[in-house]
Structure formats: structure tokens, C-alpha cells
Amino acid sequence: MLGWTLLFAILAVVAGFFGFFSLAGIAASIAKILFLVFLVLLVVNFAIRAFRGDSVL
């Protein structure tokens, strides 16, 4: 869980870097893509755990 926290902190710093240098559009596009990727991974993870019989939550 700490690894995920560090990853998102680094992504926030990168997004802030893009925002400060007028590249906010690029940062927003990256954020949208990452959001969709992580959303798909979340759904896939829930499905795999459900098929195995593990607790989803």
C-alpha cells in the first residue's frame, strides 16, 4: 500500500510540474488515461477475486 502512495505522490508532482509550465492540457490527458487504466485494472481485479471465491472487499 505504501508503494501505491509513493506512486501517486510522484504522479501528483509530475502533474503539478506540467501545470506550472502551461502544459496543463497534457497533464489532464495523462490523468484521464491513467484514471481509465486504473479503473479497468480495479474491475479486472474484482472479477478475478470473485471467480476465485476470495472476498472482493
PDB file of N, CA and C in Angstrom:
ATOM      1  N   MET A   1       0.833  -1.194   0.000  1.00  0.00           N
ATOM      2  CA  MET A   1       0.000   0.000   0.000  1.00  0.00           C
ATOM      3  C   MET A   1       0.874   1.252   0.000  1.00  0.00           C
ATOM      4  N   LEU A   2       2.008   1.183   0.654  1.00  0.00           N
ATOM      5  CA  LEU A   2       2.918   2.325   0.672  1.00  0.00           C
ATOM      6  C   LEU A   2       3.472   2.595  -0.724  1.00  0.00           C
ATOM      7  N   GLY A   3       3.677   1.545  -1.486  1.00  0.00           N
ATOM      8  CA  GLY A   3       4.158   1.698  -2.861  1.00  0.00           C
ATOM      9  C   GLY A   3       3.177   2.479  -3.715  1.00  0.00           C
ATOM     10  N   TRP A   4       1.872   2.179  -3.547  1.00  0.00           N
ATOM     11  CA  TRP A   4       0.856   2.922  -4.298  1.00  0.00           C
ATOM     12  C   TRP A   4       0.852   4.390  -3.886  1.00  0.00           C
ATOM     13  N   THR A   5       1.035   4.641  -2.598  1.00  0.00           N
ATOM     14  CA  THR A   5       1.052   6.023  -2.120  1.00  0.00           C
ATOM     15  C   THR A   5       2.203   6.797  -2.743  1.00  0.00           C
ATOM     16  N   LEU A   6       3.366   6.188  -2.787  1.00  0.00           N
ATOM     17  CA  LEU A   6       4.521   6.837  -3.394  1.00  0.00           C
ATOM     18  C   LEU A   6       4.310   7.057  -4.891  1.00  0.00           C
ATOM     19  N   LEU A   7       3.717   6.091  -5.565  1.00  0.00           N
ATOM     20  CA  LEU A   7       3.450   6.227  -6.991  1.00  0.00           C
ATOM     21  C   LEU A   7       2.532   7.411  -7.266  1.00  0.00           C
ATOM     22  N   PHE A   8       1.441   7.518  -6.508  1.00  0.00           N
ATOM     23  CA  PHE A   8       0.507   8.617  -6.722  1.00  0.00           C
ATOM     24  C   PHE A   8       1.115   9.957  -6.317  1.00  0.00           C
ATOM     25  N   ALA A   9       1.982   9.961  -5.336  1.00  0.00           N
ATOM     26  CA  ALA A   9       2.655  11.204  -4.968  1.00  0.00           C
ATOM     27  C   ALA A   9       3.571  11.672  -6.097  1.00  0.00           C
ATOM     28  N   ILE A  10       4.275  10.738  -6.704  1.00  0.00           N
ATOM     29  CA  ILE A  10       5.139  11.087  -7.832  1.00  0.00           C
ATOM     30  C   ILE A  10       4.308  11.576  -9.008  1.00  0.00           C
ATOM     31  N   LEU A  11       3.183  10.919  -9.274  1.00  0.00           N
ATOM     32  CA  LEU A  11       2.303  11.367 -10.355  1.00  0.00           C
ATOM     33  C   LEU A  11       1.758  12.762 -10.081  1.00  0.00           C
ATOM     34  N   ALA A  12       1.446  13.061  -8.845  1.00  0.00           N
ATOM     35  CA  ALA A  12       0.952  14.395  -8.497  1.00  0.00           C
ATOM     36  C   ALA A  12       2.031  15.447  -8.723  1.00  0.00           C
ATOM     37  N   VAL A  13       3.271  15.117  -8.388  1.00  0.00           N
ATOM     38  CA  VAL A  13       4.367  16.061  -8.614  1.00  0.00           C
ATOM     39  C   VAL A  13       4.559  16.288 -10.111  1.00  0.00           C
ATOM     40  N   VAL A  14       4.503  15.235 -10.897  1.00  0.00           N
ATOM     41  CA  VAL A  14       4.654  15.366 -12.350  1.00  0.00           C
ATOM     42  C   VAL A  14       3.511  16.192 -12.928  1.00  0.00           C
ATOM     43  N   ALA A  15       2.285  15.938 -12.486  1.00  0.00           N
ATOM     44  CA  ALA A  15       1.138  16.713 -12.963  1.00  0.00           C
ATOM     45  C   ALA A  15       1.277  18.183 -12.561  1.00  0.00           C
ATOM     46  N   GLY A  16       1.755  18.442 -11.357  1.00  0.00           N
ATOM     47  CA  GLY A  16       1.989  19.816 -10.926  1.00  0.00           C
ATOM     48  C   GLY A  16       3.071  20.485 -11.748  1.00  0.00           C
ATOM     49  N   PHE A  17       4.115  19.730 -12.095  1.00  0.00           N
ATOM     50  CA  PHE A  17       5.186  20.260 -12.942  1.00  0.00           C
ATOM     51  C   PHE A  17       4.633  20.693 -14.298  1.00  0.00           C
ATOM     52  N   PHE A  18       3.790  19.835 -14.894  1.00  0.00           N
ATOM     53  CA  PHE A  18       3.190  20.188 -16.177  1.00  0.00           C
ATOM     54  C   PHE A  18       2.275  21.403 -16.045  1.00  0.00           C
ATOM     55  N   GLY A  19       1.537  21.478 -14.957  1.00  0.00           N
ATOM     56  CA  GLY A  19       0.626  22.594 -14.754  1.00  0.00           C
ATOM     57  C   GLY A  19       1.345  23.918 -14.589  1.00  0.00           C
ATOM     58  N   PHE A  20       2.481  23.913 -13.925  1.00  0.00           N
ATOM     59  CA  PHE A  20       3.222  25.149 -13.704  1.00  0.00           C
ATOM     60  C   PHE A  20       3.859  25.678 -14.985  1.00  0.00           C
ATOM     61  N   PHE A  21       4.084  24.801 -15.931  1.00  0.00           N
ATOM     62  CA  PHE A  21       4.723  25.221 -17.167  1.00  0.00           C
ATOM     63  C   PHE A  21       3.761  25.244 -18.345  1.00  0.00           C
ATOM     64  N   SER A  22       2.498  25.542 -18.067  1.00  0.00           N
ATOM     65  CA  SER A  22       1.464  25.723 -19.089  1.00  0.00           C
ATOM     66  C   SER A  22       1.257  24.491 -19.960  1.00  0.00           C
ATOM     67  N   LEU A  23       1.513  23.350 -19.414  1.00  0.00           N
ATOM     68  CA  LEU A  23       1.232  22.106 -20.125  1.00  0.00           C
ATOM     69  C   LEU A  23       0.111  21.354 -19.422  1.00  0.00           C
ATOM     70  N   ALA A  24      -0.820  22.119 -18.877  1.00  0.00           N
ATOM     71  CA  ALA A  24      -1.896  21.517 -18.094  1.00  0.00           C
ATOM     72  C   ALA A  24      -2.766  20.608 -18.955  1.00  0.00           C
ATOM     73  N   GLY A  25      -2.911  20.926 -20.215  1.00  0.00           N
ATOM     74  CA  GLY A  25      -3.700  20.078 -21.107  1.00  0.00           C
ATOM     75  C   GLY A  25      -3.112  18.689 -21.239  1.00  0.00           C
ATOM     76  N   ILE A  26      -1.789  18.627 -21.350  1.00  0.00           N
ATOM     77  CA  ILE A  26      -1.113  17.332 -21.448  1.00  0.00           C
ATOM     78  C   ILE A  26      -1.265  16.563 -20.136  1.00  0.00           C
ATOM     79  N   ALA A  27      -1.105  17.266 -19.026  1.00  0.00           N
ATOM     80  CA  ALA A  27      -1.252  16.614 -17.721  1.00  0.00           C
ATOM     81  C   ALA A  27      -2.675  16.104 -17.534  1.00  0.00           C
ATOM     82  N   ALA A  28      -3.660  16.867 -17.991  1.00  0.00           N
ATOM     83  CA  ALA A  28      -5.053  16.428 -17.873  1.00  0.00           C
ATOM     84  C   ALA A  28      -5.298  15.191 -18.732  1.00  0.00           C
ATOM     85  N   SER A  29      -4.722  15.157 -19.905  1.00  0.00           N
ATOM     86  CA  SER A  29      -4.872  13.983 -20.772  1.00  0.00           C
ATOM     87  C   SER A  29      -4.235  12.748 -20.140  1.00  0.00           C
ATOM     88  N   ILE A  30      -3.057  12.930 -19.582  1.00  0.00           N
ATOM     89  CA  ILE A  30      -2.389  11.818 -18.906  1.00  0.00           C
ATOM     90  C   ILE A  30      -3.229  11.345 -17.721  1.00  0.00           C
ATOM     91  N   ALA A  31      -3.785  12.281 -16.967  1.00  0.00           N
ATOM     92  CA  ALA A  31      -4.604  11.916 -15.811  1.00  0.00           C
ATOM     93  C   ALA A  31      -5.842  11.145 -16.241  1.00  0.00           C
ATOM     94  N   LYS A  32      -6.468  11.546 -17.338  1.00  0.00           N
ATOM     95  CA  LYS A  32      -7.649  10.819 -17.829  1.00  0.00           C
ATOM     96  C   LYS A  32      -7.285   9.401 -18.239  1.00  0.00           C
ATOM     97  N   ILE A  33      -6.177   9.266 -18.942  1.00  0.00           N
ATOM     98  CA  ILE A  33      -5.751   7.938 -19.384  1.00  0.00           C
ATOM     99  C   ILE A  33      -5.419   7.058 -18.188  1.00  0.00           C
ATOM    100  N   LEU A  34      -4.675   7.603 -17.220  1.00  0.00           N
ATOM    101  CA  LEU A  34      -4.328   6.821 -16.029  1.00  0.00           C
ATOM    102  C   LEU A  34      -5.567   6.439 -15.230  1.00  0.00           C
ATOM    103  N   PHE A  35      -6.534   7.346 -15.142  1.00  0.00           N
ATOM    104  CA  PHE A  35      -7.768   7.043 -14.432  1.00  0.00           C
ATOM    105  C   PHE A  35      -8.478   5.861 -15.088  1.00  0.00           C
ATOM    106  N   LEU A  36      -8.589   5.882 -16.405  1.00  0.00           N
ATOM    107  CA  LEU A  36      -9.257   4.780 -17.103  1.00  0.00           C
ATOM    108  C   LEU A  36      -8.487   3.477 -16.952  1.00  0.00           C
ATOM    109  N   VAL A  37      -7.156   3.535 -17.020  1.00  0.00           N
ATOM    110  CA  VAL A  37      -6.349   2.325 -16.874  1.00  0.00           C
ATOM    111  C   VAL A  37      -6.540   1.728 -15.480  1.00  0.00           C
ATOM    112  N   PHE A  38      -6.464   2.566 -14.441  1.00  0.00           N
ATOM    113  CA  PHE A  38      -6.622   2.050 -13.087  1.00  0.00           C
ATOM    114  C   PHE A  38      -8.048   1.580 -12.817  1.00  0.00           C
ATOM    115  N   LEU A  39      -9.037   2.221 -13.456  1.00  0.00           N
ATOM    116  CA  LEU A  39     -10.418   1.777 -13.305  1.00  0.00           C
ATOM    117  C   LEU A  39     -10.602   0.391 -13.912  1.00  0.00           C
ATOM    118  N   VAL A  40     -10.042   0.172 -15.090  1.00  0.00           N
ATOM    119  CA  VAL A  40     -10.116  -1.146 -15.730  1.00  0.00           C
ATOM    120  C   VAL A  40      -9.392  -2.185 -14.884  1.00  0.00           C
ATOM    121  N   LEU A  41      -8.214  -1.840 -14.372  1.00  0.00           N
ATOM    122  CA  LEU A  41      -7.479  -2.783 -13.524  1.00  0.00           C
ATOM    123  C   LEU A  41      -8.248  -3.125 -12.253  1.00  0.00           C
ATOM    124  N   LEU A  42      -8.951  -2.151 -11.688  1.00  0.00           N
ATOM    125  CA  LEU A  42      -9.762  -2.395 -10.499  1.00  0.00           C
ATOM    126  C   LEU A  42     -10.880  -3.384 -10.797  1.00  0.00           C
ATOM    127  N   VAL A  43     -11.578  -3.180 -11.903  1.00  0.00           N
ATOM    128  CA  VAL A  43     -12.676  -4.074 -12.272  1.00  0.00           C
ATOM    129  C   VAL A  43     -12.155  -5.482 -12.555  1.00  0.00           C
ATOM    130  N   VAL A  44     -11.031  -5.569 -13.257  1.00  0.00           N
ATOM    131  CA  VAL A  44     -10.438  -6.881 -13.548  1.00  0.00           C
ATOM    132  C   VAL A  44     -10.026  -7.575 -12.255  1.00  0.00           C
ATOM    133  N   ASN A  45      -9.440  -6.819 -11.333  1.00  0.00           N
ATOM    134  CA  ASN A  45      -9.035  -7.391 -10.051  1.00  0.00           C
ATOM    135  C   ASN A  45     -10.246  -7.914  -9.279  1.00  0.00           C
ATOM    136  N   PHE A  46     -11.325  -7.139  -9.241  1.00  0.00           N
ATOM    137  CA  PHE A  46     -12.541  -7.596  -8.565  1.00  0.00           C
ATOM    138  C   PHE A  46     -13.087  -8.860  -9.222  1.00  0.00           C
ATOM    139  N   ALA A  47     -13.083  -8.914 -10.541  1.00  0.00           N
ATOM    140  CA  ALA A  47     -13.609 -10.084 -11.243  1.00  0.00           C
ATOM    141  C   ALA A  47     -12.769 -11.320 -10.955  1.00  0.00           C
ATOM    142  N   ILE A  48     -11.465 -11.186 -10.991  1.00  0.00           N
ATOM    143  CA  ILE A  48     -10.587 -12.327 -10.730  1.00  0.00           C
ATOM    144  C   ILE A  48     -10.786 -12.832  -9.307  1.00  0.00           C
ATOM    145  N   ARG A  49     -10.858 -11.897  -8.350  1.00  0.00           N
ATOM    146  CA  ARG A  49     -11.050 -12.318  -6.951  1.00  0.00           C
ATOM    147  C   ARG A  49     -12.413 -12.975  -6.759  1.00  0.00           C
ATOM    148  N   ALA A  50     -13.433 -12.494  -7.455  1.00  0.00           N
ATOM    149  CA  ALA A  50     -14.766 -13.081  -7.329  1.00  0.00           C
ATOM    150  C   ALA A  50     -14.794 -14.495  -7.909  1.00  0.00           C
ATOM    151  N   PHE A  51     -14.123 -14.711  -9.035  1.00  0.00           N
ATOM    152  CA  PHE A  51     -14.093 -16.032  -9.648  1.00  0.00           C
ATOM    153  C   PHE A  51     -13.307 -17.030  -8.801  1.00  0.00           C
ATOM    154  N   ARG A  52     -12.295 -16.558  -8.099  1.00  0.00           N
ATOM    155  CA  ARG A  52     -11.520 -17.435  -7.217  1.00  0.00           C
ATOM    156  C   ARG A  52     -12.267 -17.752  -5.934  1.00  0.00           C
ATOM    157  N   GLY A  53     -13.271 -16.978  -5.604  1.00  0.00           N
ATOM    158  CA  GLY A  53     -14.012 -17.195  -4.381  1.00  0.00           C
ATOM    159  C   GLY A  53     -13.481 -16.385  -3.219  1.00  0.00           C
ATOM    160  N   ASP A  54     -12.520 -15.514  -3.474  1.00  0.00           N
ATOM    161  CA  ASP A  54     -11.977 -14.659  -2.418  1.00  0.00           C
ATOM    162  C   ASP A  54     -12.947 -13.527  -2.121  1.00  0.00           C
ATOM    163  N   SER A  55     -12.728 -12.878  -1.007  1.00  0.00           N
ATOM    164  CA  SER A  55     -13.532 -11.713  -0.662  1.00  0.00           C
ATOM    165  C   SER A  55     -13.150 -10.562  -1.587  1.00  0.00           C
ATOM    166  N   VAL A  56     -14.152  -9.925  -2.162  1.00  0.00           N
ATOM    167  CA  VAL A  56     -13.900  -8.830  -3.093  1.00  0.00           C
ATOM    168  C   VAL A  56     -13.536  -7.559  -2.341  1.00  0.00           C
ATOM    169  N   LEU A  57     -14.110  -7.370  -1.166  1.00  0.00           N
ATOM    170  CA  LEU A  57     -13.842  -6.158  -0.411  1.00  0.00           C
ATOM    171  C   LEU A  57     -12.857  -6.392   0.701  1.00  0.00           C
TER     172      LEU A  57
END
